[in-house]
Amino acid sequence: MTVGDNIRRIRQSKDLTQEEFGKIADVSSMAVSQWENDRAIPRMGAVQRIADHFGISKSEIIDDENTSTYPPGAIIPTPPRKAYAPLLGRVHAGDAQMPEILKDNVALPYEVWDRHRDGYFLQVEGNCMSKVYPEGCYIFVDRRMEPQNGSIAVVSIDGSDYVMRRLYRGATTMILSPDSWDDEYEDIVITGEDDRMVRFEGVVVWFQASKEME
């Protein structure tokens, strides 16, 4: 059990509110809440007042191997919040082709996920976008964002082939441009005269290295 667990157990066993318990320790109810959620450790003066009031030893309050490295009164760092989004497959950063379906989940910062809750991951294959996204990394794609000129978009061509490239659109022409250290890749140019169906599958908004790259 943590220090917070110990404090909550003692308080609840005496049927006290956080405000009532705080008066015993001579602290605010907010301080008690921080203790119980392991966001702070009580100072020794407060620990002594609690122990004296209830006739218990200080060790019953502060014994906790998990927080022994933090001095009394310290604010305990809160671990970053994580979220998970589906890894739907691999997308080729080169020639358009069918994505390989993976069906897995990848962790990402909660703040990123919270701004793009319908997002999904794809793993990059190929070096067409190597200046921006290296092969093997995970790109996080927001399927609801409308791509703008210069956006890096995931595009479906003819209902099946997928490609990730930088998008430029004119009145009658669409250019899907590479951003690579390799000069072998060329623009994919689609004009209004081409009998091709193009659908935007989302805009790349974030990326991270795969485990193999870390």
N, C-alpha and C. Protein backbone atom coordinates (compact mmCIF):
# COMPACT_ATOMS: atom_id res chain seq x y z
N MET A 1 0.84 -1.20 0.00
CA MET A 1 0.00 0.00 0.00
C MET A 1 0.87 1.25 0.00
N THR A 2 0.38 2.30 -0.64
CA THR A 2 1.11 3.56 -0.68
C THR A 2 0.76 4.40 0.55
N VAL A 3 1.49 5.50 0.73
CA VAL A 3 1.17 6.43 1.80
C VAL A 3 -0.27 6.94 1.65
N GLY A 4 -0.64 7.23 0.42
CA GLY A 4 -2.01 7.68 0.17
C GLY A 4 -3.05 6.64 0.57
N ASP A 5 -2.75 5.37 0.27
CA ASP A 5 -3.66 4.29 0.68
C ASP A 5 -3.78 4.23 2.20
N ASN A 6 -2.64 4.39 2.90
CA ASN A 6 -2.65 4.35 4.36
C ASN A 6 -3.52 5.46 4.94
N ILE A 7 -3.35 6.66 4.41
CA ILE A 7 -4.11 7.81 4.91
C ILE A 7 -5.60 7.63 4.63
N ARG A 8 -5.93 7.19 3.43
CA ARG A 8 -7.34 6.97 3.10
C ARG A 8 -7.95 5.90 4.01
N ARG A 9 -7.20 4.83 4.26
CA ARG A 9 -7.70 3.75 5.12
C ARG A 9 -7.97 4.26 6.53
N ILE A 10 -7.04 5.04 7.07
CA ILE A 10 -7.20 5.57 8.43
C ILE A 10 -8.40 6.51 8.48
N ARG A 11 -8.49 7.41 7.51
CA ARG A 11 -9.59 8.38 7.50
C ARG A 11 -10.94 7.69 7.39
N GLN A 12 -11.04 6.75 6.46
CA GLN A 12 -12.33 6.09 6.24
C GLN A 12 -12.70 5.18 7.41
N SER A 13 -11.70 4.62 8.08
CA SER A 13 -12.00 3.75 9.23
C SER A 13 -12.60 4.56 10.39
N LYS A 14 -12.31 5.86 10.41
CA LYS A 14 -12.86 6.75 11.44
C LYS A 14 -14.08 7.51 10.94
N ASP A 15 -14.50 7.21 9.71
CA ASP A 15 -15.69 7.83 9.11
C ASP A 15 -15.56 9.35 9.09
N LEU A 16 -14.41 9.82 8.64
CA LEU A 16 -14.14 11.26 8.58
C LEU A 16 -14.11 11.73 7.13
N THR A 17 -14.55 12.97 6.92
CA THR A 17 -14.38 13.59 5.61
C THR A 17 -12.95 14.08 5.47
N GLN A 18 -12.57 14.43 4.26
CA GLN A 18 -11.22 14.96 4.06
C GLN A 18 -11.04 16.28 4.80
N GLU A 19 -12.09 17.06 4.89
CA GLU A 19 -12.01 18.33 5.62
C GLU A 19 -11.80 18.08 7.11
N GLU A 20 -12.54 17.12 7.68
CA GLU A 20 -12.39 16.80 9.10
C GLU A 20 -11.01 16.22 9.39
N PHE A 21 -10.53 15.37 8.50
CA PHE A 21 -9.20 14.78 8.67
C PHE A 21 -8.13 15.86 8.56
N GLY A 22 -8.34 16.82 7.65
CA GLY A 22 -7.38 17.90 7.49
C GLY A 22 -7.25 18.76 8.73
N LYS A 23 -8.36 18.96 9.45
CA LYS A 23 -8.30 19.74 10.69
C LYS A 23 -7.44 19.04 11.74
N ILE A 24 -7.50 17.72 11.76
CA ILE A 24 -6.66 16.96 12.70
C ILE A 24 -5.18 17.13 12.35
N ALA A 25 -4.88 17.09 11.04
CA ALA A 25 -3.48 17.21 10.60
C ALA A 25 -3.04 18.66 10.44
N ASP A 26 -4.00 19.61 10.62
CA ASP A 26 -3.73 21.03 10.46
C ASP A 26 -3.32 21.36 9.03
N VAL A 27 -4.08 20.78 8.08
CA VAL A 27 -3.87 21.07 6.66
C VAL A 27 -5.25 21.23 6.00
N SER A 28 -5.26 21.64 4.76
CA SER A 28 -6.51 21.80 4.03
C SER A 28 -7.03 20.45 3.51
N SER A 29 -8.30 20.42 3.14
CA SER A 29 -8.87 19.21 2.55
C SER A 29 -8.19 18.90 1.22
N MET A 30 -7.74 19.94 0.51
CA MET A 30 -7.04 19.73 -0.76
C MET A 30 -5.73 18.97 -0.53
N ALA A 31 -5.03 19.32 0.57
CA ALA A 31 -3.79 18.61 0.89
C ALA A 31 -4.06 17.14 1.16
N VAL A 32 -5.15 16.86 1.88
CA VAL A 32 -5.52 15.47 2.16
C VAL A 32 -5.80 14.74 0.85
N SER A 33 -6.50 15.39 -0.05
CA SER A 33 -6.80 14.79 -1.35
C SER A 33 -5.52 14.47 -2.11
N GLN A 34 -4.55 15.39 -2.07
CA GLN A 34 -3.27 15.14 -2.75
C GLN A 34 -2.54 13.97 -2.11
N TRP A 35 -2.58 13.88 -0.79
CA TRP A 35 -1.96 12.73 -0.12
C TRP A 35 -2.59 11.43 -0.60
N GLU A 36 -3.92 11.39 -0.56
CA GLU A 36 -4.63 10.14 -0.85
C GLU A 36 -4.47 9.72 -2.31
N ASN A 37 -4.19 10.67 -3.19
CA ASN A 37 -3.97 10.34 -4.59
C ASN A 37 -2.50 10.23 -4.93
N ASP A 38 -1.65 10.19 -3.88
CA ASP A 38 -0.20 10.02 -4.04
C ASP A 38 0.42 11.09 -4.92
N ARG A 39 -0.12 12.31 -4.80
CA ARG A 39 0.47 13.44 -5.52
C ARG A 39 1.38 14.27 -4.61
N ALA A 40 1.36 13.98 -3.33
CA ALA A 40 2.23 14.65 -2.38
C ALA A 40 2.38 13.75 -1.16
N ILE A 41 3.44 13.99 -0.39
CA ILE A 41 3.70 13.24 0.84
C ILE A 41 3.57 14.19 2.02
N PRO A 42 2.87 13.80 3.07
CA PRO A 42 2.69 14.70 4.21
C PRO A 42 4.02 14.99 4.92
N ARG A 43 4.13 16.21 5.41
CA ARG A 43 5.29 16.57 6.21
C ARG A 43 5.24 15.84 7.55
N MET A 44 6.41 15.71 8.17
CA MET A 44 6.49 14.92 9.39
C MET A 44 5.67 15.52 10.52
N GLY A 45 5.52 16.86 10.52
CA GLY A 45 4.69 17.48 11.55
C GLY A 45 3.24 17.01 11.45
N ALA A 46 2.72 16.95 10.20
CA ALA A 46 1.35 16.49 10.00
C ALA A 46 1.23 15.01 10.34
N VAL A 47 2.24 14.23 9.98
CA VAL A 47 2.23 12.79 10.30
C VAL A 47 2.17 12.60 11.81
N GLN A 48 2.96 13.39 12.55
CA GLN A 48 2.99 13.26 14.00
C GLN A 48 1.63 13.62 14.60
N ARG A 49 0.98 14.66 14.09
CA ARG A 49 -0.32 15.06 14.62
C ARG A 49 -1.36 13.96 14.38
N ILE A 50 -1.31 13.34 13.19
CA ILE A 50 -2.24 12.24 12.90
C ILE A 50 -1.99 11.07 13.83
N ALA A 51 -0.72 10.71 13.98
CA ALA A 51 -0.36 9.57 14.83
C ALA A 51 -0.78 9.83 16.28
N ASP A 52 -0.52 11.04 16.79
CA ASP A 52 -0.88 11.36 18.18
C ASP A 52 -2.40 11.33 18.37
N HIS A 53 -3.12 11.85 17.39
CA HIS A 53 -4.59 11.93 17.53
C HIS A 53 -5.22 10.54 17.58
N PHE A 54 -4.72 9.64 16.75
CA PHE A 54 -5.35 8.32 16.67
C PHE A 54 -4.62 7.25 17.49
N GLY A 55 -3.53 7.64 18.13
CA GLY A 55 -2.79 6.69 18.95
C GLY A 55 -2.15 5.57 18.15
N ILE A 56 -1.59 5.92 17.00
CA ILE A 56 -0.93 4.93 16.15
C ILE A 56 0.51 5.36 15.91
N SER A 57 1.31 4.45 15.39
CA SER A 57 2.71 4.78 15.10
C SER A 57 2.80 5.51 13.77
N LYS A 58 3.83 6.31 13.62
CA LYS A 58 4.04 7.03 12.36
C LYS A 58 4.27 6.06 11.20
N SER A 59 4.86 4.90 11.51
CA SER A 59 5.14 3.93 10.45
C SER A 59 3.86 3.41 9.81
N GLU A 60 2.75 3.41 10.57
CA GLU A 60 1.48 2.97 9.99
C GLU A 60 0.98 3.93 8.92
N ILE A 61 1.52 5.14 8.94
CA ILE A 61 1.10 6.16 7.97
C ILE A 61 2.05 6.24 6.79
N ILE A 62 3.35 6.23 7.08
CA ILE A 62 4.32 6.57 6.03
C ILE A 62 5.11 5.38 5.50
N ASP A 63 4.89 4.17 5.99
CA ASP A 63 5.61 3.02 5.46
C ASP A 63 5.16 2.75 4.04
N ASP A 64 6.06 2.95 3.09
CA ASP A 64 5.75 2.70 1.69
C ASP A 64 7.04 2.68 0.89
N GLU A 65 7.42 1.53 0.38
CA GLU A 65 8.66 1.42 -0.37
C GLU A 65 8.62 2.23 -1.65
N ASN A 66 7.42 2.42 -2.22
CA ASN A 66 7.32 3.11 -3.51
C ASN A 66 7.65 4.59 -3.42
N THR A 67 7.47 5.21 -2.27
CA THR A 67 7.69 6.65 -2.16
C THR A 67 8.82 7.00 -1.20
N SER A 68 9.60 5.99 -0.76
CA SER A 68 10.64 6.25 0.23
C SER A 68 11.75 7.14 -0.31
N THR A 69 11.89 7.26 -1.63
CA THR A 69 12.94 8.10 -2.21
C THR A 69 12.56 9.57 -2.21
N TYR A 70 11.32 9.91 -1.90
CA TYR A 70 10.88 11.30 -1.88
C TYR A 70 10.87 11.83 -0.46
N PRO A 71 11.41 13.02 -0.22
CA PRO A 71 11.39 13.59 1.13
C PRO A 71 10.00 14.03 1.54
N PRO A 72 9.74 14.09 2.86
CA PRO A 72 8.43 14.57 3.32
C PRO A 72 8.11 15.95 2.76
N GLY A 73 6.87 16.14 2.34
CA GLY A 73 6.45 17.41 1.78
C GLY A 73 6.67 17.54 0.29
N ALA A 74 7.33 16.54 -0.31
CA ALA A 74 7.62 16.63 -1.73
C ALA A 74 6.36 16.42 -2.56
N ILE A 75 6.33 17.07 -3.71
CA ILE A 75 5.29 16.83 -4.70
C ILE A 75 5.77 15.69 -5.60
N ILE A 76 5.01 14.62 -5.65
CA ILE A 76 5.41 13.45 -6.40
C ILE A 76 5.07 13.65 -7.88
N PRO A 77 6.04 13.47 -8.79
CA PRO A 77 5.74 13.64 -10.20
C PRO A 77 4.64 12.70 -10.66
N THR A 78 3.73 13.23 -11.44
CA THR A 78 2.65 12.42 -11.98
C THR A 78 3.09 11.83 -13.32
N PRO A 79 3.02 10.50 -13.50
CA PRO A 79 3.42 9.90 -14.77
C PRO A 79 2.59 10.45 -15.92
N PRO A 80 3.18 10.60 -17.11
CA PRO A 80 2.42 11.09 -18.25
C PRO A 80 1.22 10.18 -18.55
N ARG A 81 0.11 10.79 -18.88
CA ARG A 81 -1.07 10.02 -19.23
C ARG A 81 -0.91 9.45 -20.64
N LYS A 82 -1.33 8.21 -20.79
CA LYS A 82 -1.25 7.56 -22.08
C LYS A 82 -2.64 7.24 -22.61
N ALA A 83 -2.70 7.14 -23.92
CA ALA A 83 -3.90 6.64 -24.58
C ALA A 83 -3.44 5.64 -25.63
N TYR A 84 -4.39 4.95 -26.22
CA TYR A 84 -4.07 3.95 -27.23
C TYR A 84 -4.96 4.16 -28.45
N ALA A 85 -4.37 3.95 -29.60
CA ALA A 85 -5.12 4.04 -30.86
C ALA A 85 -4.79 2.83 -31.71
N PRO A 86 -5.70 2.43 -32.57
CA PRO A 86 -5.48 1.22 -33.36
C PRO A 86 -4.39 1.39 -34.42
N LEU A 87 -3.57 0.37 -34.54
CA LEU A 87 -2.61 0.28 -35.65
C LEU A 87 -3.29 -0.55 -36.73
N LEU A 88 -3.74 0.11 -37.80
CA LEU A 88 -4.57 -0.57 -38.79
C LEU A 88 -3.78 -1.29 -39.86
N GLY A 89 -2.53 -0.89 -40.06
CA GLY A 89 -1.76 -1.57 -41.10
C GLY A 89 -0.51 -0.79 -41.45
N ARG A 90 0.06 -1.11 -42.60
CA ARG A 90 1.24 -0.42 -43.10
C ARG A 90 0.86 0.37 -44.34
N VAL A 91 1.46 1.54 -44.47
CA VAL A 91 1.21 2.37 -45.64
C VAL A 91 2.54 2.58 -46.35
N HIS A 92 2.51 2.53 -47.67
CA HIS A 92 3.74 2.64 -48.42
C HIS A 92 4.06 4.10 -48.72
N ALA A 93 5.25 4.49 -48.34
CA ALA A 93 5.74 5.82 -48.69
C ALA A 93 6.56 5.68 -49.96
N GLY A 94 5.88 5.43 -51.04
CA GLY A 94 6.52 5.20 -52.33
C GLY A 94 5.43 5.05 -53.37
N ASP A 95 5.40 3.91 -54.03
CA ASP A 95 4.32 3.64 -54.98
C ASP A 95 3.06 3.24 -54.23
N ALA A 96 1.92 3.63 -54.78
CA ALA A 96 0.66 3.29 -54.14
C ALA A 96 0.42 1.79 -54.19
N GLN A 97 0.01 1.23 -53.05
CA GLN A 97 -0.31 -0.19 -53.00
C GLN A 97 -1.21 -0.46 -51.82
N MET A 98 -1.77 -1.65 -51.79
CA MET A 98 -2.68 -2.02 -50.71
C MET A 98 -1.94 -2.04 -49.38
N PRO A 99 -2.54 -1.48 -48.31
CA PRO A 99 -1.90 -1.54 -47.00
C PRO A 99 -1.99 -2.93 -46.42
N GLU A 100 -0.95 -3.33 -45.68
CA GLU A 100 -0.98 -4.60 -44.96
C GLU A 100 -1.71 -4.39 -43.64
N ILE A 101 -2.71 -5.20 -43.36
CA ILE A 101 -3.52 -5.04 -42.16
C ILE A 101 -2.80 -5.68 -40.98
N LEU A 102 -2.65 -4.93 -39.88
CA LEU A 102 -1.93 -5.42 -38.70
C LEU A 102 -2.85 -5.65 -37.51
N LYS A 103 -3.83 -4.78 -37.28
CA LYS A 103 -4.78 -4.90 -36.18
C LYS A 103 -4.05 -5.01 -34.83
N ASP A 104 -3.52 -3.91 -34.38
CA ASP A 104 -2.82 -3.84 -33.10
C ASP A 104 -3.13 -2.48 -32.49
N ASN A 105 -2.56 -2.19 -31.32
CA ASN A 105 -2.74 -0.89 -30.69
C ASN A 105 -1.38 -0.30 -30.36
N VAL A 106 -1.28 1.01 -30.45
CA VAL A 106 -0.04 1.73 -30.17
C VAL A 106 -0.33 2.82 -29.14
N ALA A 107 0.56 2.95 -28.16
CA ALA A 107 0.40 3.99 -27.14
C ALA A 107 0.84 5.34 -27.69
N LEU A 108 0.21 6.39 -27.21
CA LEU A 108 0.58 7.75 -27.57
C LEU A 108 0.20 8.68 -26.42
N PRO A 109 0.77 9.89 -26.38
CA PRO A 109 0.40 10.82 -25.31
C PRO A 109 -1.10 11.12 -25.32
N TYR A 110 -1.68 11.18 -24.14
CA TYR A 110 -3.11 11.43 -24.03
C TYR A 110 -3.50 12.73 -24.71
N GLU A 111 -2.64 13.76 -24.59
CA GLU A 111 -2.97 15.06 -25.15
C GLU A 111 -3.10 15.01 -26.67
N VAL A 112 -2.28 14.17 -27.32
CA VAL A 112 -2.38 14.03 -28.78
C VAL A 112 -3.68 13.31 -29.14
N TRP A 113 -3.94 12.20 -28.45
CA TRP A 113 -5.17 11.45 -28.72
C TRP A 113 -6.41 12.30 -28.47
N ASP A 114 -6.37 13.14 -27.42
CA ASP A 114 -7.54 13.93 -27.06
C ASP A 114 -7.90 14.93 -28.15
N ARG A 115 -6.92 15.38 -28.92
CA ARG A 115 -7.19 16.33 -30.01
C ARG A 115 -7.62 15.62 -31.30
N HIS A 116 -7.37 14.32 -31.38
CA HIS A 116 -7.66 13.57 -32.61
C HIS A 116 -8.22 12.20 -32.22
N ARG A 117 -9.38 12.19 -31.61
CA ARG A 117 -9.91 10.97 -31.00
C ARG A 117 -10.30 9.89 -32.00
N ASP A 118 -10.52 10.27 -33.24
CA ASP A 118 -10.83 9.27 -34.27
C ASP A 118 -9.59 8.84 -35.04
N GLY A 119 -8.43 9.19 -34.52
CA GLY A 119 -7.20 8.89 -35.24
C GLY A 119 -6.82 7.42 -35.21
N TYR A 120 -5.92 7.05 -36.10
CA TYR A 120 -5.43 5.67 -36.16
C TYR A 120 -3.97 5.70 -36.59
N PHE A 121 -3.27 4.61 -36.32
CA PHE A 121 -1.86 4.50 -36.69
C PHE A 121 -1.68 3.67 -37.96
N LEU A 122 -0.66 4.03 -38.72
CA LEU A 122 -0.14 3.21 -39.81
C LEU A 122 1.37 3.15 -39.65
N GLN A 123 1.95 2.03 -40.05
CA GLN A 123 3.41 1.92 -40.02
C GLN A 123 3.95 2.18 -41.42
N VAL A 124 5.00 2.98 -41.49
CA VAL A 124 5.52 3.44 -42.77
C VAL A 124 6.45 2.39 -43.38
N GLU A 125 6.22 2.10 -44.65
CA GLU A 125 7.13 1.29 -45.45
C GLU A 125 7.65 2.14 -46.60
N GLY A 126 8.92 2.01 -46.91
CA GLY A 126 9.50 2.77 -48.01
C GLY A 126 10.12 4.07 -47.54
N ASN A 127 10.87 4.70 -48.43
CA ASN A 127 11.65 5.90 -48.08
C ASN A 127 11.19 7.15 -48.81
N CYS A 128 9.99 7.11 -49.37
CA CYS A 128 9.50 8.25 -50.15
C CYS A 128 9.38 9.52 -49.33
N MET A 129 9.12 9.36 -47.99
CA MET A 129 8.97 10.53 -47.11
C MET A 129 10.04 10.54 -46.04
N SER A 130 11.22 10.06 -46.36
CA SER A 130 12.26 9.84 -45.36
C SER A 130 12.78 11.11 -44.71
N LYS A 131 12.62 12.27 -45.36
CA LYS A 131 13.03 13.52 -44.73
C LYS A 131 12.14 13.89 -43.56
N VAL A 132 10.94 13.33 -43.55
CA VAL A 132 9.96 13.67 -42.53
C VAL A 132 9.65 12.47 -41.63
N TYR A 133 9.35 11.33 -42.25
CA TYR A 133 8.96 10.14 -41.52
C TYR A 133 9.80 8.95 -41.97
N PRO A 134 10.74 8.50 -41.15
CA PRO A 134 11.61 7.40 -41.56
C PRO A 134 10.85 6.08 -41.67
N GLU A 135 11.36 5.21 -42.50
CA GLU A 135 10.74 3.90 -42.67
C GLU A 135 10.68 3.16 -41.34
N GLY A 136 9.54 2.55 -41.07
CA GLY A 136 9.36 1.79 -39.85
C GLY A 136 8.65 2.55 -38.74
N CYS A 137 8.57 3.88 -38.86
CA CYS A 137 7.93 4.64 -37.79
C CYS A 137 6.41 4.50 -37.88
N TYR A 138 5.74 4.89 -36.80
CA TYR A 138 4.28 4.89 -36.77
C TYR A 138 3.78 6.32 -37.00
N ILE A 139 2.90 6.48 -37.96
CA ILE A 139 2.27 7.79 -38.17
C ILE A 139 0.86 7.74 -37.62
N PHE A 140 0.45 8.84 -36.99
CA PHE A 140 -0.89 8.95 -36.43
C PHE A 140 -1.71 9.83 -37.36
N VAL A 141 -2.81 9.29 -37.84
CA VAL A 141 -3.59 9.91 -38.91
C VAL A 141 -4.97 10.32 -38.39
N ASP A 142 -5.32 11.57 -38.60
CA ASP A 142 -6.66 12.05 -38.26
C ASP A 142 -7.53 11.95 -39.51
N ARG A 143 -8.47 11.01 -39.48
CA ARG A 143 -9.29 10.75 -40.67
C ARG A 143 -10.31 11.85 -40.93
N ARG A 144 -10.54 12.73 -39.94
CA ARG A 144 -11.56 13.76 -40.10
C ARG A 144 -11.00 15.09 -40.59
N MET A 145 -9.68 15.24 -40.58
CA MET A 145 -9.09 16.50 -41.02
C MET A 145 -9.09 16.61 -42.54
N GLU A 146 -9.42 17.79 -43.02
CA GLU A 146 -9.38 18.07 -44.44
C GLU A 146 -7.96 18.50 -44.82
N PRO A 147 -7.29 17.78 -45.72
CA PRO A 147 -5.92 18.15 -46.06
C PRO A 147 -5.84 19.49 -46.77
N GLN A 148 -4.82 20.25 -46.43
CA GLN A 148 -4.56 21.53 -47.08
C GLN A 148 -3.33 21.38 -47.97
N ASN A 149 -3.08 22.35 -48.82
CA ASN A 149 -1.87 22.30 -49.63
C ASN A 149 -0.65 22.24 -48.73
N GLY A 150 0.19 21.26 -48.98
CA GLY A 150 1.38 21.06 -48.17
C GLY A 150 1.20 20.05 -47.06
N SER A 151 -0.06 19.64 -46.79
CA SER A 151 -0.30 18.62 -45.77
C SER A 151 0.28 17.29 -46.23
N ILE A 152 0.68 16.48 -45.26
CA ILE A 152 1.06 15.11 -45.57
C ILE A 152 -0.16 14.25 -45.35
N ALA A 153 -0.66 13.68 -46.42
CA ALA A 153 -1.94 12.98 -46.39
C ALA A 153 -1.76 11.52 -46.76
N VAL A 154 -2.68 10.72 -46.23
CA VAL A 154 -2.81 9.33 -46.66
C VAL A 154 -3.97 9.30 -47.65
N VAL A 155 -3.69 8.80 -48.84
CA VAL A 155 -4.64 8.86 -49.94
C VAL A 155 -4.89 7.46 -50.48
N SER A 156 -6.16 7.18 -50.74
CA SER A 156 -6.56 5.94 -51.41
C SER A 156 -6.79 6.24 -52.88
N ILE A 157 -6.15 5.46 -53.73
CA ILE A 157 -6.28 5.66 -55.18
C ILE A 157 -6.99 4.47 -55.79
N ASP A 158 -8.05 4.74 -56.51
CA ASP A 158 -8.84 3.72 -57.18
C ASP A 158 -9.43 2.69 -56.21
N GLY A 159 -9.75 3.16 -55.00
CA GLY A 159 -10.46 2.33 -54.06
C GLY A 159 -9.65 1.29 -53.34
N SER A 160 -8.36 1.17 -53.66
CA SER A 160 -7.60 0.11 -53.00
C SER A 160 -6.17 0.52 -52.66
N ASP A 161 -5.50 1.21 -53.57
CA ASP A 161 -4.10 1.55 -53.35
C ASP A 161 -3.95 2.73 -52.40
N TYR A 162 -3.04 2.60 -51.43
CA TYR A 162 -2.81 3.65 -50.44
C TYR A 162 -1.39 4.19 -50.61
N VAL A 163 -1.27 5.49 -50.40
CA VAL A 163 0.04 6.11 -50.45
C VAL A 163 0.06 7.29 -49.48
N MET A 164 1.23 7.57 -48.89
CA MET A 164 1.40 8.74 -48.04
C MET A 164 2.37 9.69 -48.73
N ARG A 165 1.88 10.89 -49.00
CA ARG A 165 2.72 11.89 -49.66
C ARG A 165 2.25 13.30 -49.28
N ARG A 166 3.08 14.26 -49.66
CA ARG A 166 2.71 15.66 -49.45
C ARG A 166 1.78 16.08 -50.58
N LEU A 167 0.67 16.70 -50.20
CA LEU A 167 -0.40 16.98 -51.15
C LEU A 167 -0.38 18.44 -51.62
N TYR A 168 -0.54 18.60 -52.93
CA TYR A 168 -0.73 19.93 -53.52
C TYR A 168 -1.88 19.83 -54.51
N ARG A 169 -2.83 20.77 -54.42
CA ARG A 169 -3.99 20.74 -55.30
C ARG A 169 -4.14 22.05 -56.05
N GLY A 170 -4.41 21.94 -57.33
CA GLY A 170 -4.77 23.09 -58.15
C GLY A 170 -6.22 22.97 -58.56
N ALA A 171 -6.63 23.77 -59.52
CA ALA A 171 -8.02 23.77 -59.95
C ALA A 171 -8.41 22.43 -60.56
N THR A 172 -7.52 21.85 -61.34
CA THR A 172 -7.84 20.58 -62.03
C THR A 172 -6.77 19.52 -61.85
N THR A 173 -5.78 19.81 -61.03
CA THR A 173 -4.65 18.89 -60.89
C THR A 173 -4.34 18.63 -59.42
N MET A 174 -4.00 17.40 -59.11
CA MET A 174 -3.54 17.03 -57.78
C MET A 174 -2.14 16.43 -57.92
N ILE A 175 -1.24 16.90 -57.06
CA ILE A 175 0.13 16.38 -57.07
C ILE A 175 0.41 15.77 -55.70
N LEU A 176 0.84 14.52 -55.70
CA LEU A 176 1.26 13.84 -54.48
C LEU A 176 2.78 13.74 -54.56
N SER A 177 3.44 14.55 -53.73
CA SER A 177 4.87 14.76 -53.91
C SER A 177 5.68 14.06 -52.83
N PRO A 178 6.81 13.42 -53.19
CA PRO A 178 7.69 12.81 -52.19
C PRO A 178 8.48 13.87 -51.44
N ASP A 179 9.00 13.48 -50.29
CA ASP A 179 9.88 14.35 -49.50
C ASP A 179 10.99 13.45 -48.96
N SER A 180 11.87 13.07 -49.88
CA SER A 180 12.81 11.99 -49.60
C SER A 180 14.26 12.41 -49.84
N TRP A 181 15.14 11.74 -49.12
CA TRP A 181 16.57 11.90 -49.40
C TRP A 181 16.97 11.13 -50.65
N ASP A 182 16.09 10.31 -51.14
CA ASP A 182 16.35 9.47 -52.32
C ASP A 182 15.71 10.13 -53.54
N ASP A 183 16.49 10.39 -54.56
CA ASP A 183 16.00 11.10 -55.74
C ASP A 183 15.19 10.22 -56.69
N GLU A 184 15.06 8.94 -56.40
CA GLU A 184 14.39 8.06 -57.35
C GLU A 184 12.87 8.24 -57.38
N TYR A 185 12.32 8.86 -56.33
CA TYR A 185 10.86 9.00 -56.26
C TYR A 185 10.40 10.22 -57.04
N GLU A 186 9.29 10.07 -57.74
CA GLU A 186 8.74 11.14 -58.55
C GLU A 186 7.33 11.49 -58.08
N ASP A 187 6.86 12.65 -58.51
CA ASP A 187 5.50 13.06 -58.19
C ASP A 187 4.48 12.11 -58.81
N ILE A 188 3.39 11.91 -58.10
CA ILE A 188 2.21 11.28 -58.68
C ILE A 188 1.26 12.42 -59.05
N VAL A 189 0.99 12.55 -60.33
CA VAL A 189 0.17 13.66 -60.83
C VAL A 189 -1.16 13.09 -61.32
N ILE A 190 -2.25 13.63 -60.80
CA ILE A 190 -3.59 13.20 -61.19
C ILE A 190 -4.34 14.43 -61.68
N THR A 191 -4.81 14.37 -62.90
CA THR A 191 -5.53 15.50 -63.48
C THR A 191 -7.02 15.18 -63.58
N GLY A 192 -7.79 16.22 -63.89
CA GLY A 192 -9.23 16.04 -64.04
C GLY A 192 -9.60 15.12 -65.19
N GLU A 193 -8.68 14.94 -66.12
CA GLU A 193 -8.95 14.09 -67.27
C GLU A 193 -8.69 12.61 -66.97
N ASP A 194 -7.97 12.34 -65.86
CA ASP A 194 -7.68 10.95 -65.51
C ASP A 194 -8.93 10.28 -64.95
N ASP A 195 -9.13 9.05 -65.35
CA ASP A 195 -10.26 8.27 -64.85
C ASP A 195 -9.83 7.52 -63.60
N ARG A 196 -9.53 8.28 -62.54
CA ARG A 196 -9.06 7.68 -61.30
C ARG A 196 -9.86 8.22 -60.12
N MET A 197 -10.16 7.36 -59.18
CA MET A 197 -10.92 7.76 -58.00
C MET A 197 -9.94 7.97 -56.84
N VAL A 198 -9.97 9.16 -56.26
CA VAL A 198 -9.07 9.50 -55.16
C VAL A 198 -9.89 9.80 -53.92
N ARG A 199 -9.51 9.19 -52.81
CA ARG A 199 -10.20 9.46 -51.54
C ARG A 199 -9.15 9.72 -50.46
N PHE A 200 -9.40 10.76 -49.68
CA PHE A 200 -8.48 11.09 -48.60
C PHE A 200 -8.81 10.24 -47.36
N GLU A 201 -7.79 9.57 -46.86
CA GLU A 201 -7.96 8.71 -45.68
C GLU A 201 -7.52 9.41 -44.40
N GLY A 202 -7.04 10.64 -44.52
CA GLY A 202 -6.67 11.41 -43.34
C GLY A 202 -5.37 12.18 -43.52
N VAL A 203 -5.08 13.00 -42.52
CA VAL A 203 -3.87 13.82 -42.49
C VAL A 203 -2.97 13.34 -41.36
N VAL A 204 -1.69 13.25 -41.64
CA VAL A 204 -0.73 12.84 -40.61
C VAL A 204 -0.54 14.00 -39.63
N VAL A 205 -0.76 13.72 -38.34
CA VAL A 205 -0.68 14.78 -37.34
C VAL A 205 0.40 14.54 -36.29
N TRP A 206 0.97 13.32 -36.27
CA TRP A 206 1.97 12.99 -35.24
C TRP A 206 2.64 11.69 -35.64
N PHE A 207 3.82 11.45 -35.13
CA PHE A 207 4.47 10.17 -35.39
C PHE A 207 5.40 9.81 -34.24
N GLN A 208 5.75 8.54 -34.19
CA GLN A 208 6.74 8.09 -33.22
C GLN A 208 7.49 6.90 -33.80
N ALA A 209 8.68 6.66 -33.24
CA ALA A 209 9.48 5.54 -33.71
C ALA A 209 8.83 4.23 -33.31
N SER A 210 9.02 3.22 -34.12
CA SER A 210 8.59 1.88 -33.73
C SER A 210 9.57 1.34 -32.70
N LYS A 211 9.19 0.26 -32.03
CA LYS A 211 10.06 -0.33 -31.01
C LYS A 211 11.39 -0.75 -31.61
N GLU A 212 11.36 -1.22 -32.86
CA GLU A 212 12.59 -1.67 -33.51
C GLU A 212 13.56 -0.53 -33.75
N MET A 213 13.02 0.71 -33.83
CA MET A 213 13.87 1.87 -34.13
C MET A 213 14.38 2.54 -32.87
N GLU A 214 13.76 2.27 -31.71
CA GLU A 214 14.10 2.98 -30.48
C GLU A 214 15.48 2.57 -29.97
